């Protein structure tokens, strides 16, 4: 007998172990993707600095928008890893319930996490396969077909101007935030406050 007393070719513990291995494999894939994106970010940063020095404002803005989208992609991938960890933990808890009570309950936590994971393009195929196996074994409810629709095009709206300005400001150490027409190799430094104070003092003295 398998989960919920349903007959199944494999015992629950073996199924959970197989699912856990597949999930951990996908987590390693995500780790590689995060590293790849972050390496590309470093290249884009260098390109922004080069374009800024050449006064290529439009290029800087386009590259800054690429940076924003890559950061959003990394955030999504980290969120996916957290959901995978949640699935692993809940499957382990289900095995504990099986040993104590002799049966497992459908897990709403696993169901919720899998509903999100099947929409991530990078891992969609594996997560879809796992969700079907879990539903067959009785751990989660069977998902509707529209649940599997990808979220690939979500959150791809134009980056806000404030976000672009912040990226440019950070990368150029404050020299480019409002995107001036040209930035020289020697980034501008603020005028010393003491000099300005002295100039104001002399100006007031001259009026008396």
N, C-alpha and C. Protein backbone atom coordinates (compact mmCIF):
# COMPACT_ATOMS: atom_id res chain seq x y z
N UNK A 1 0.85 -1.20 0.00
CA UNK A 1 0.00 0.00 0.00
C UNK A 1 0.88 1.24 0.00
N UNK A 2 0.44 2.28 -0.68
CA UNK A 2 1.22 3.51 -0.74
C UNK A 2 0.60 4.61 0.09
N UNK A 3 0.74 5.82 -0.36
CA UNK A 3 0.20 6.95 0.37
C UNK A 3 -1.31 6.86 0.38
N UNK A 4 -1.93 7.25 1.51
CA UNK A 4 -3.37 7.24 1.68
C UNK A 4 -3.99 5.87 1.45
N UNK A 5 -3.19 4.84 1.60
CA UNK A 5 -3.72 3.51 1.40
C UNK A 5 -3.88 3.13 -0.06
N UNK A 6 -3.45 4.04 -0.96
CA UNK A 6 -3.53 3.70 -2.39
C UNK A 6 -2.42 2.73 -2.73
N UNK A 7 -2.71 1.79 -3.61
CA UNK A 7 -1.65 0.88 -4.01
C UNK A 7 -0.71 1.62 -4.94
N UNK A 8 0.56 1.40 -4.76
CA UNK A 8 1.57 2.09 -5.56
C UNK A 8 2.75 1.16 -5.73
N UNK A 9 3.43 1.28 -6.84
CA UNK A 9 4.55 0.39 -7.10
C UNK A 9 5.66 0.54 -6.07
N UNK A 10 5.88 1.77 -5.60
CA UNK A 10 6.97 2.04 -4.67
C UNK A 10 6.44 2.51 -3.33
N UNK A 11 7.14 2.17 -2.24
CA UNK A 11 6.73 2.65 -0.92
C UNK A 11 6.95 4.16 -0.80
N UNK A 12 6.20 4.83 0.10
CA UNK A 12 6.30 6.28 0.25
C UNK A 12 7.72 6.79 0.47
N UNK A 13 8.49 6.11 1.32
CA UNK A 13 9.84 6.58 1.62
C UNK A 13 10.70 6.61 0.36
N UNK A 14 10.56 5.58 -0.47
CA UNK A 14 11.35 5.54 -1.71
C UNK A 14 10.92 6.65 -2.67
N UNK A 15 9.61 6.89 -2.73
CA UNK A 15 9.11 7.97 -3.58
C UNK A 15 9.65 9.32 -3.14
N UNK A 16 9.56 9.58 -1.84
CA UNK A 16 10.03 10.86 -1.30
C UNK A 16 11.52 11.03 -1.55
N UNK A 17 12.28 9.95 -1.38
CA UNK A 17 13.73 10.03 -1.65
C UNK A 17 14.01 10.38 -3.11
N UNK A 18 13.25 9.77 -4.02
CA UNK A 18 13.42 10.06 -5.45
C UNK A 18 13.07 11.51 -5.75
N UNK A 19 11.95 11.97 -5.19
CA UNK A 19 11.54 13.36 -5.42
C UNK A 19 12.58 14.33 -4.86
N UNK A 20 13.09 13.99 -3.69
CA UNK A 20 14.09 14.86 -3.05
C UNK A 20 15.35 14.98 -3.91
N UNK A 21 15.78 13.86 -4.48
CA UNK A 21 16.96 13.89 -5.36
C UNK A 21 16.73 14.77 -6.58
N UNK A 22 15.54 14.65 -7.17
CA UNK A 22 15.22 15.47 -8.35
C UNK A 22 15.19 16.95 -7.99
N UNK A 23 14.61 17.27 -6.84
CA UNK A 23 14.51 18.67 -6.43
C UNK A 23 15.90 19.24 -6.15
N UNK A 24 16.74 18.46 -5.47
CA UNK A 24 18.10 18.95 -5.18
C UNK A 24 18.89 19.15 -6.48
N UNK A 25 18.66 18.29 -7.45
CA UNK A 25 19.33 18.45 -8.75
C UNK A 25 18.91 19.76 -9.40
N UNK A 26 17.62 20.07 -9.34
CA UNK A 26 17.13 21.32 -9.92
C UNK A 26 17.65 22.53 -9.15
N UNK A 27 17.85 22.38 -7.85
CA UNK A 27 18.42 23.47 -7.05
C UNK A 27 19.84 23.78 -7.49
N UNK A 28 20.59 22.73 -7.84
CA UNK A 28 21.96 22.95 -8.35
C UNK A 28 21.93 23.65 -9.71
N UNK A 29 20.93 23.31 -10.52
CA UNK A 29 20.77 23.99 -11.81
C UNK A 29 20.51 25.47 -11.58
N UNK A 30 19.64 25.77 -10.62
CA UNK A 30 19.33 27.16 -10.31
C UNK A 30 20.57 27.90 -9.81
N UNK A 31 21.36 27.24 -8.96
CA UNK A 31 22.60 27.86 -8.47
C UNK A 31 23.51 28.24 -9.63
N UNK A 32 23.62 27.35 -10.62
CA UNK A 32 24.46 27.66 -11.78
C UNK A 32 23.89 28.84 -12.57
N UNK A 33 22.58 28.88 -12.70
CA UNK A 33 21.96 29.98 -13.44
C UNK A 33 22.18 31.31 -12.73
N UNK A 34 22.09 31.29 -11.41
CA UNK A 34 22.33 32.51 -10.64
C UNK A 34 23.75 32.99 -10.85
N UNK A 35 24.71 32.07 -10.79
CA UNK A 35 26.11 32.45 -11.00
C UNK A 35 26.33 33.00 -12.41
N UNK A 36 25.69 32.38 -13.40
CA UNK A 36 25.82 32.85 -14.78
C UNK A 36 25.27 34.27 -14.93
N UNK A 37 24.11 34.51 -14.35
CA UNK A 37 23.51 35.84 -14.43
C UNK A 37 24.39 36.88 -13.75
N UNK A 38 24.92 36.52 -12.58
CA UNK A 38 25.76 37.46 -11.85
C UNK A 38 27.06 37.76 -12.59
N UNK A 39 27.60 36.76 -13.29
CA UNK A 39 28.79 37.02 -14.12
C UNK A 39 28.46 38.00 -15.24
N UNK A 40 27.30 37.82 -15.85
CA UNK A 40 26.89 38.73 -16.92
C UNK A 40 26.67 40.14 -16.37
N UNK A 41 26.16 40.22 -15.14
CA UNK A 41 25.95 41.53 -14.51
C UNK A 41 27.26 42.30 -14.40
N UNK A 42 28.32 41.60 -14.05
CA UNK A 42 29.63 42.25 -13.93
C UNK A 42 30.08 42.80 -15.28
N UNK A 43 29.82 42.06 -16.35
CA UNK A 43 30.17 42.54 -17.69
C UNK A 43 29.35 43.78 -18.04
N UNK A 44 28.07 43.76 -17.68
CA UNK A 44 27.21 44.91 -17.98
C UNK A 44 27.66 46.13 -17.19
N UNK A 45 28.08 45.93 -15.94
CA UNK A 45 28.58 47.05 -15.14
C UNK A 45 29.77 47.72 -15.83
N UNK A 46 30.70 46.90 -16.32
CA UNK A 46 31.86 47.46 -17.01
C UNK A 46 31.44 48.20 -18.27
N UNK A 47 30.46 47.66 -18.97
CA UNK A 47 29.97 48.31 -20.19
C UNK A 47 29.31 49.65 -19.87
N UNK A 48 28.60 49.72 -18.75
CA UNK A 48 27.96 50.98 -18.34
C UNK A 48 29.02 52.04 -18.06
N UNK A 49 30.08 51.65 -17.35
CA UNK A 49 31.15 52.61 -17.05
C UNK A 49 31.81 53.11 -18.33
N UNK A 50 32.06 52.19 -19.26
CA UNK A 50 32.68 52.59 -20.54
C UNK A 50 31.77 53.53 -21.31
N UNK A 51 30.48 53.20 -21.37
CA UNK A 51 29.53 54.03 -22.11
C UNK A 51 29.38 55.40 -21.47
N UNK A 52 29.42 55.44 -20.13
CA UNK A 52 29.29 56.71 -19.42
C UNK A 52 30.45 57.64 -19.74
N UNK A 53 31.66 57.08 -19.79
CA UNK A 53 32.83 57.89 -20.10
C UNK A 53 32.79 58.44 -21.52
N UNK A 54 32.10 57.70 -22.40
CA UNK A 54 31.99 58.14 -23.80
C UNK A 54 30.78 59.06 -24.02
N UNK A 55 30.04 59.31 -22.94
CA UNK A 55 28.87 60.17 -23.06
C UNK A 55 27.68 59.51 -23.74
N UNK A 56 27.64 58.19 -23.76
CA UNK A 56 26.57 57.46 -24.45
C UNK A 56 25.41 57.21 -23.48
N UNK A 57 24.63 58.25 -23.26
CA UNK A 57 23.56 58.21 -22.27
C UNK A 57 22.52 57.12 -22.58
N UNK A 58 22.09 57.04 -23.83
CA UNK A 58 21.07 56.05 -24.20
C UNK A 58 21.56 54.63 -23.95
N UNK A 59 22.83 54.38 -24.25
CA UNK A 59 23.40 53.06 -24.01
C UNK A 59 23.39 52.74 -22.51
N UNK A 60 23.75 53.73 -21.70
CA UNK A 60 23.76 53.54 -20.24
C UNK A 60 22.38 53.15 -19.73
N UNK A 61 21.35 53.82 -20.23
CA UNK A 61 19.98 53.55 -19.78
C UNK A 61 19.55 52.14 -20.19
N UNK A 62 19.85 51.75 -21.43
CA UNK A 62 19.49 50.41 -21.90
C UNK A 62 20.18 49.34 -21.06
N UNK A 63 21.47 49.54 -20.79
CA UNK A 63 22.22 48.56 -19.99
C UNK A 63 21.71 48.52 -18.55
N UNK A 64 21.33 49.68 -18.01
CA UNK A 64 20.80 49.73 -16.64
C UNK A 64 19.49 48.94 -16.55
N UNK A 65 18.66 49.02 -17.59
CA UNK A 65 17.41 48.25 -17.61
C UNK A 65 17.70 46.75 -17.66
N UNK A 66 18.75 46.38 -18.40
CA UNK A 66 19.16 44.97 -18.42
C UNK A 66 19.56 44.51 -17.02
N UNK A 67 20.28 45.38 -16.30
CA UNK A 67 20.70 45.05 -14.93
C UNK A 67 19.49 44.84 -14.03
N UNK A 68 18.50 45.70 -14.18
CA UNK A 68 17.30 45.60 -13.34
C UNK A 68 16.59 44.28 -13.60
N UNK A 69 16.44 43.91 -14.87
CA UNK A 69 15.77 42.65 -15.20
C UNK A 69 16.56 41.44 -14.70
N UNK A 70 17.88 41.51 -14.79
CA UNK A 70 18.69 40.38 -14.31
C UNK A 70 18.59 40.24 -12.80
N UNK A 71 18.52 41.37 -12.09
CA UNK A 71 18.37 41.31 -10.63
C UNK A 71 17.01 40.71 -10.26
N UNK A 72 15.98 41.06 -11.02
CA UNK A 72 14.66 40.47 -10.77
C UNK A 72 14.68 38.97 -11.02
N UNK A 73 15.39 38.57 -12.07
CA UNK A 73 15.49 37.14 -12.39
C UNK A 73 16.18 36.38 -11.27
N UNK A 74 17.26 36.97 -10.73
CA UNK A 74 17.98 36.33 -9.63
C UNK A 74 17.08 36.22 -8.40
N UNK A 75 16.32 37.28 -8.12
CA UNK A 75 15.41 37.25 -6.97
C UNK A 75 14.38 36.13 -7.11
N UNK A 76 13.86 35.96 -8.34
CA UNK A 76 12.89 34.88 -8.58
C UNK A 76 13.52 33.51 -8.36
N UNK A 77 14.77 33.36 -8.81
CA UNK A 77 15.45 32.07 -8.67
C UNK A 77 15.71 31.76 -7.20
N UNK A 78 16.11 32.77 -6.42
CA UNK A 78 16.30 32.56 -4.98
C UNK A 78 14.98 32.18 -4.31
N UNK A 79 13.89 32.82 -4.73
CA UNK A 79 12.57 32.50 -4.17
C UNK A 79 12.19 31.05 -4.51
N UNK A 80 12.55 30.62 -5.72
CA UNK A 80 12.28 29.24 -6.12
C UNK A 80 13.04 28.25 -5.24
N UNK A 81 14.30 28.58 -4.95
CA UNK A 81 15.09 27.71 -4.07
C UNK A 81 14.45 27.59 -2.69
N UNK A 82 13.94 28.71 -2.19
CA UNK A 82 13.29 28.69 -0.87
C UNK A 82 12.05 27.80 -0.90
N UNK A 83 11.29 27.87 -1.99
CA UNK A 83 10.10 27.02 -2.12
C UNK A 83 10.49 25.54 -2.23
N UNK A 84 11.57 25.27 -2.92
CA UNK A 84 12.05 23.88 -3.02
C UNK A 84 12.44 23.35 -1.65
N UNK A 85 13.14 24.18 -0.88
CA UNK A 85 13.50 23.77 0.49
C UNK A 85 12.26 23.50 1.32
N UNK A 86 11.21 24.30 1.11
CA UNK A 86 9.96 24.10 1.83
C UNK A 86 9.33 22.75 1.46
N UNK A 87 9.38 22.40 0.17
CA UNK A 87 8.86 21.11 -0.28
C UNK A 87 9.64 19.96 0.36
N UNK A 88 10.97 20.07 0.36
CA UNK A 88 11.80 19.02 0.96
C UNK A 88 11.46 18.83 2.44
N UNK A 89 11.32 19.93 3.16
CA UNK A 89 11.01 19.86 4.59
C UNK A 89 9.65 19.24 4.83
N UNK A 90 8.66 19.64 4.04
CA UNK A 90 7.31 19.12 4.23
C UNK A 90 7.20 17.64 3.86
N UNK A 91 7.96 17.22 2.85
CA UNK A 91 7.96 15.79 2.52
C UNK A 91 8.58 14.98 3.66
N UNK A 92 9.62 15.52 4.26
CA UNK A 92 10.24 14.84 5.41
C UNK A 92 9.25 14.74 6.56
N UNK A 93 8.49 15.82 6.78
CA UNK A 93 7.48 15.80 7.85
C UNK A 93 6.39 14.77 7.56
N UNK A 94 6.03 14.64 6.28
CA UNK A 94 5.01 13.67 5.90
C UNK A 94 5.46 12.23 6.21
N UNK A 95 6.73 11.96 5.98
CA UNK A 95 7.26 10.63 6.31
C UNK A 95 7.20 10.38 7.82
N UNK A 96 7.45 11.42 8.61
CA UNK A 96 7.35 11.29 10.07
C UNK A 96 5.92 10.97 10.47
N UNK A 97 4.95 11.63 9.84
CA UNK A 97 3.54 11.35 10.13
C UNK A 97 3.19 9.91 9.76
N UNK A 98 3.75 9.45 8.67
CA UNK A 98 3.48 8.09 8.22
C UNK A 98 3.95 7.07 9.25
N UNK A 99 5.13 7.32 9.82
CA UNK A 99 5.67 6.38 10.82
C UNK A 99 4.83 6.39 12.09
N UNK A 100 4.32 7.57 12.46
CA UNK A 100 3.57 7.69 13.72
C UNK A 100 2.11 7.27 13.55
N UNK A 101 1.46 7.81 12.52
CA UNK A 101 0.03 7.59 12.36
C UNK A 101 -0.33 6.51 11.36
N UNK A 102 0.64 6.06 10.59
CA UNK A 102 0.38 5.02 9.61
C UNK A 102 -0.18 5.53 8.30
N UNK A 103 -0.37 6.85 8.20
CA UNK A 103 -0.88 7.43 6.95
C UNK A 103 -0.42 8.88 6.87
N UNK A 104 -0.36 9.39 5.66
CA UNK A 104 0.02 10.78 5.46
C UNK A 104 -1.19 11.59 5.03
N UNK A 105 -1.14 12.88 5.33
CA UNK A 105 -2.20 13.79 4.93
C UNK A 105 -1.77 14.52 3.66
N UNK A 106 -2.75 14.96 2.89
CA UNK A 106 -2.42 15.83 1.77
C UNK A 106 -1.78 17.10 2.33
N UNK A 107 -0.70 17.54 1.71
CA UNK A 107 0.03 18.70 2.21
C UNK A 107 -0.33 19.95 1.42
N UNK A 108 -1.00 20.90 2.09
CA UNK A 108 -1.32 22.16 1.43
C UNK A 108 -0.06 22.99 1.19
N UNK A 109 0.94 22.83 2.08
CA UNK A 109 2.19 23.58 1.90
C UNK A 109 2.93 23.13 0.64
N UNK A 110 3.00 21.80 0.45
CA UNK A 110 3.65 21.27 -0.75
C UNK A 110 2.86 21.68 -1.99
N UNK A 111 1.54 21.61 -1.90
CA UNK A 111 0.68 21.98 -3.03
C UNK A 111 0.93 23.43 -3.44
N UNK A 112 0.96 24.32 -2.46
CA UNK A 112 1.15 25.75 -2.74
C UNK A 112 2.51 26.01 -3.37
N UNK A 113 3.55 25.36 -2.83
CA UNK A 113 4.90 25.56 -3.37
C UNK A 113 5.00 25.02 -4.79
N UNK A 114 4.44 23.85 -5.03
CA UNK A 114 4.51 23.25 -6.36
C UNK A 114 3.74 24.07 -7.39
N UNK A 115 2.64 24.69 -6.97
CA UNK A 115 1.87 25.54 -7.88
C UNK A 115 2.71 26.71 -8.39
N UNK A 116 3.61 27.19 -7.54
CA UNK A 116 4.51 28.28 -7.96
C UNK A 116 5.66 27.74 -8.79
N UNK A 117 6.22 26.62 -8.37
CA UNK A 117 7.42 26.08 -9.04
C UNK A 117 7.14 25.61 -10.47
N UNK A 118 5.94 25.11 -10.73
CA UNK A 118 5.65 24.63 -12.09
C UNK A 118 5.54 25.78 -13.09
N UNK A 119 5.55 27.02 -12.60
CA UNK A 119 5.47 28.18 -13.49
C UNK A 119 6.83 28.79 -13.80
N UNK A 120 7.88 28.29 -13.16
CA UNK A 120 9.22 28.82 -13.38
C UNK A 120 9.81 28.17 -14.64
N UNK A 121 10.07 28.94 -15.69
CA UNK A 121 10.51 28.35 -16.96
C UNK A 121 11.73 27.45 -16.83
N UNK A 122 12.69 27.86 -16.01
CA UNK A 122 13.96 27.13 -15.91
C UNK A 122 13.80 25.70 -15.37
N UNK A 123 12.77 25.47 -14.57
CA UNK A 123 12.59 24.16 -13.92
C UNK A 123 11.21 23.58 -14.18
N UNK A 124 10.49 24.17 -15.10
CA UNK A 124 9.08 23.82 -15.29
C UNK A 124 8.87 22.34 -15.61
N UNK A 125 9.67 21.80 -16.52
CA UNK A 125 9.45 20.41 -16.96
C UNK A 125 9.56 19.43 -15.80
N UNK A 126 10.64 19.56 -15.00
CA UNK A 126 10.84 18.65 -13.88
C UNK A 126 9.76 18.83 -12.82
N UNK A 127 9.42 20.08 -12.50
CA UNK A 127 8.41 20.34 -11.47
C UNK A 127 7.03 19.84 -11.90
N UNK A 128 6.75 19.95 -13.18
CA UNK A 128 5.46 19.45 -13.67
C UNK A 128 5.39 17.93 -13.52
N UNK A 129 6.47 17.26 -13.87
CA UNK A 129 6.53 15.81 -13.72
C UNK A 129 6.37 15.40 -12.26
N UNK A 130 7.08 16.12 -11.37
CA UNK A 130 6.99 15.81 -9.94
C UNK A 130 5.58 16.03 -9.41
N UNK A 131 4.95 17.12 -9.82
CA UNK A 131 3.61 17.42 -9.32
C UNK A 131 2.62 16.32 -9.71
N UNK A 132 2.78 15.79 -10.91
CA UNK A 132 1.90 14.70 -11.36
C UNK A 132 2.14 13.43 -10.55
N UNK A 133 3.42 13.15 -10.26
CA UNK A 133 3.75 11.97 -9.45
C UNK A 133 3.20 12.13 -8.03
N UNK A 134 3.32 13.34 -7.49
CA UNK A 134 2.83 13.59 -6.13
C UNK A 134 1.31 13.47 -6.07
N UNK A 135 0.64 13.97 -7.12
CA UNK A 135 -0.82 13.86 -7.16
C UNK A 135 -1.25 12.40 -7.27
N UNK A 136 -0.56 11.64 -8.08
CA UNK A 136 -0.86 10.21 -8.24
C UNK A 136 -0.66 9.46 -6.93
N UNK A 137 0.36 9.87 -6.16
CA UNK A 137 0.64 9.21 -4.88
C UNK A 137 -0.26 9.71 -3.77
N UNK A 138 -0.97 10.82 -4.01
CA UNK A 138 -1.90 11.32 -3.01
C UNK A 138 -1.36 12.38 -2.08
N UNK A 139 -0.16 12.89 -2.33
CA UNK A 139 0.39 13.91 -1.44
C UNK A 139 -0.23 15.28 -1.70
N UNK A 140 -0.56 15.56 -2.97
CA UNK A 140 -1.19 16.84 -3.31
C UNK A 140 -2.38 16.58 -4.22
N UNK A 141 -3.21 17.61 -4.40
CA UNK A 141 -4.32 17.51 -5.34
C UNK A 141 -3.78 17.61 -6.76
N UNK A 142 -4.52 17.03 -7.68
CA UNK A 142 -4.11 17.15 -9.08
C UNK A 142 -4.27 18.59 -9.54
N UNK A 143 -3.28 19.10 -10.25
CA UNK A 143 -3.30 20.49 -10.69
C UNK A 143 -4.07 20.63 -12.00
N UNK A 144 -4.77 21.77 -12.12
CA UNK A 144 -5.45 22.07 -13.37
C UNK A 144 -4.41 22.46 -14.42
N UNK A 145 -4.75 22.29 -15.68
CA UNK A 145 -3.80 22.54 -16.77
C UNK A 145 -3.31 23.98 -16.78
N UNK A 146 -4.20 24.95 -16.47
CA UNK A 146 -3.78 26.35 -16.53
C UNK A 146 -2.77 26.70 -15.43
N UNK A 147 -2.62 25.82 -14.43
CA UNK A 147 -1.63 26.05 -13.39
C UNK A 147 -0.22 26.02 -13.96
N UNK A 148 -0.04 25.30 -15.05
CA UNK A 148 1.29 25.11 -15.62
C UNK A 148 1.73 26.25 -16.54
N UNK A 149 0.87 27.24 -16.73
CA UNK A 149 1.24 28.35 -17.61
C UNK A 149 2.43 29.09 -17.04
N UNK A 150 3.38 29.37 -17.90
CA UNK A 150 4.65 29.98 -17.48
C UNK A 150 4.45 31.42 -17.03
N UNK A 151 5.30 31.84 -16.07
CA UNK A 151 5.32 33.23 -15.62
C UNK A 151 6.45 34.00 -16.30
N UNK A 152 6.96 33.46 -17.39
CA UNK A 152 8.15 34.03 -18.01
C UNK A 152 7.98 35.49 -18.38
N UNK A 153 6.77 35.88 -18.81
CA UNK A 153 6.57 37.25 -19.27
C UNK A 153 6.07 38.18 -18.18
N UNK A 154 5.87 37.68 -16.97
CA UNK A 154 5.42 38.53 -15.88
C UNK A 154 6.56 39.41 -15.38
N UNK A 155 6.18 40.57 -14.84
CA UNK A 155 7.16 41.48 -14.23
C UNK A 155 8.24 41.92 -15.21
N UNK A 156 7.94 41.95 -16.50
CA UNK A 156 8.93 42.39 -17.47
C UNK A 156 8.59 43.79 -17.98
N UNK A 157 7.81 44.55 -17.19
CA UNK A 157 7.44 45.89 -17.59
C UNK A 157 8.67 46.80 -17.61
N UNK A 158 8.51 47.92 -18.24
CA UNK A 158 9.61 48.86 -18.33
C UNK A 158 10.09 49.24 -16.94
N UNK A 159 11.38 49.27 -16.79
CA UNK A 159 11.96 49.65 -15.50
C UNK A 159 11.65 51.12 -15.23
N UNK A 160 11.29 51.42 -14.00
CA UNK A 160 10.99 52.80 -13.62
C UNK A 160 12.25 53.65 -13.71
N UNK A 161 12.04 54.93 -14.04
CA UNK A 161 13.18 55.84 -14.19
C UNK A 161 14.01 55.91 -12.91
N UNK A 162 13.32 55.87 -11.76
CA UNK A 162 14.05 55.93 -10.48
C UNK A 162 14.97 54.73 -10.30
N UNK A 163 14.51 53.55 -10.76
CA UNK A 163 15.35 52.35 -10.66
C UNK A 163 16.59 52.48 -11.55
N UNK A 164 16.38 53.00 -12.75
CA UNK A 164 17.49 53.19 -13.68
C UNK A 164 18.50 54.17 -13.09
N UNK A 165 18.00 55.28 -12.55
CA UNK A 165 18.89 56.28 -11.95
C UNK A 165 19.71 55.68 -10.81
N UNK A 166 19.06 54.85 -9.99
CA UNK A 166 19.78 54.26 -8.85
C UNK A 166 20.89 53.33 -9.33
N UNK A 167 20.59 52.50 -10.34
CA UNK A 167 21.61 51.60 -10.88
C UNK A 167 22.80 52.41 -11.40
N UNK A 168 22.52 53.43 -12.19
CA UNK A 168 23.59 54.25 -12.77
C UNK A 168 24.37 54.98 -11.68
N UNK A 169 23.67 55.48 -10.68
CA UNK A 169 24.32 56.20 -9.58
C UNK A 169 25.27 55.27 -8.84
N UNK A 170 24.80 54.04 -8.55
CA UNK A 170 25.62 53.08 -7.80
C UNK A 170 26.86 52.66 -8.59
N UNK A 171 26.67 52.37 -9.86
CA UNK A 171 27.77 51.84 -10.67
C UNK A 171 28.84 52.89 -10.94
N UNK A 172 28.41 54.15 -11.12
CA UNK A 172 29.38 55.22 -11.44
C UNK A 172 29.77 56.02 -10.21
N UNK A 173 29.51 55.48 -9.03
CA UNK A 173 29.89 56.14 -7.77
C UNK A 173 29.32 57.55 -7.69
N UNK A 174 28.09 57.72 -8.13
CA UNK A 174 27.41 59.00 -8.00
C UNK A 174 27.62 59.95 -9.16
N UNK A 175 28.51 59.60 -10.08
CA UNK A 175 28.77 60.51 -11.20
C UNK A 175 27.62 60.51 -12.20
N UNK A 176 26.91 59.40 -12.29
CA UNK A 176 25.84 59.27 -13.27
C UNK A 176 24.61 58.71 -12.58
N UNK A 177 23.69 59.60 -12.28
CA UNK A 177 22.45 59.15 -11.69
C UNK A 177 21.33 59.83 -12.43
N UNK A 178 21.56 61.06 -12.75
CA UNK A 178 20.63 61.81 -13.58
C UNK A 178 21.03 61.71 -15.05
N UNK A 179 22.01 60.86 -15.33
CA UNK A 179 22.48 60.62 -16.69
C UNK A 179 22.91 61.89 -17.40
N UNK A 180 24.00 62.53 -16.96
CA UNK A 180 24.51 63.71 -17.66
C UNK A 180 25.01 63.33 -19.04
N UNK A 181 25.28 64.35 -19.86
CA UNK A 181 25.63 64.08 -21.25
C UNK A 181 26.98 63.39 -21.38
N UNK A 182 27.89 63.63 -20.44
CA UNK A 182 29.21 63.03 -20.57
C UNK A 182 29.84 62.88 -19.20
N UNK A 183 30.59 61.80 -19.01
CA UNK A 183 31.34 61.58 -17.77
C UNK A 183 32.78 61.36 -18.16
N UNK A 184 33.68 62.08 -17.52
CA UNK A 184 35.10 61.93 -17.84
C UNK A 184 35.70 60.81 -17.02
N UNK A 185 36.93 60.40 -17.38
CA UNK A 185 37.61 59.35 -16.63
C UNK A 185 37.77 59.75 -15.17
N UNK A 186 38.10 61.02 -14.95
CA UNK A 186 38.22 61.51 -13.58
C UNK A 186 36.83 61.93 -13.15
N UNK A 187 36.18 61.12 -12.34
CA UNK A 187 34.82 61.41 -11.92
C UNK A 187 34.80 62.67 -11.07
N UNK A 188 33.80 63.55 -11.24
CA UNK A 188 33.78 64.82 -10.52
C UNK A 188 33.71 64.64 -9.02
N UNK A 189 34.37 65.54 -8.30
CA UNK A 189 34.35 65.53 -6.84
C UNK A 189 33.62 66.76 -6.35
N UNK A 190 32.88 66.64 -5.23
CA UNK A 190 32.18 67.82 -4.70
C UNK A 190 33.16 68.87 -4.23
N UNK A 191 32.77 70.13 -4.36
CA UNK A 191 33.63 71.23 -3.92
C UNK A 191 33.73 71.20 -2.40
N UNK A 192 34.91 71.35 -1.83
CA UNK A 192 35.06 71.33 -0.37
C UNK A 192 34.17 72.38 0.27
N UNK A 193 33.47 71.97 1.33
CA UNK A 193 32.53 72.88 1.99
C UNK A 193 33.24 74.07 2.59
N UNK A 194 34.49 73.86 3.06
CA UNK A 194 35.23 74.96 3.68
C UNK A 194 35.48 76.07 2.68
N UNK A 195 35.78 75.70 1.43
CA UNK A 195 36.05 76.71 0.41
C UNK A 195 34.81 77.53 0.14
N UNK A 196 33.65 76.85 0.08
CA UNK A 196 32.41 77.57 -0.17
C UNK A 196 32.09 78.50 0.98
N UNK A 197 32.33 78.02 2.21
CA UNK A 197 32.04 78.85 3.38
C UNK A 197 32.91 80.09 3.37
N UNK A 198 34.21 79.91 3.02
CA UNK A 198 35.12 81.04 2.99
C UNK A 198 34.71 82.05 1.94
N UNK A 199 34.27 81.55 0.80
CA UNK A 199 33.86 82.44 -0.27
C UNK A 199 32.64 83.24 0.13
N UNK A 200 31.69 82.59 0.84
CA UNK A 200 30.50 83.30 1.28
C UNK A 200 30.87 84.36 2.31
N UNK A 201 31.84 84.00 3.17
CA UNK A 201 32.26 84.95 4.21
C UNK A 201 32.90 86.18 3.59
N UNK A 202 33.75 85.98 2.57
CA UNK A 202 34.40 87.12 1.92
C UNK A 202 33.38 87.98 1.20
N UNK A 203 32.38 87.28 0.65
CA UNK A 203 31.36 88.04 -0.07
C UNK A 203 30.57 88.93 0.87
N UNK A 204 30.23 88.41 2.07
CA UNK A 204 29.49 89.22 3.03
C UNK A 204 30.34 90.37 3.52
N UNK A 205 31.69 90.08 3.69
CA UNK A 205 32.59 91.13 4.18
C UNK A 205 32.68 92.26 3.18
N UNK A 206 32.63 91.94 1.88
CA UNK A 206 32.78 92.97 0.87
C UNK A 206 31.59 93.90 0.82
N UNK A 207 30.36 93.41 1.28
CA UNK A 207 29.18 94.25 1.21
C UNK A 207 29.14 95.25 2.35
N UNK A 208 29.89 94.98 3.49
CA UNK A 208 29.85 95.89 4.63
C UNK A 208 30.80 97.04 4.42
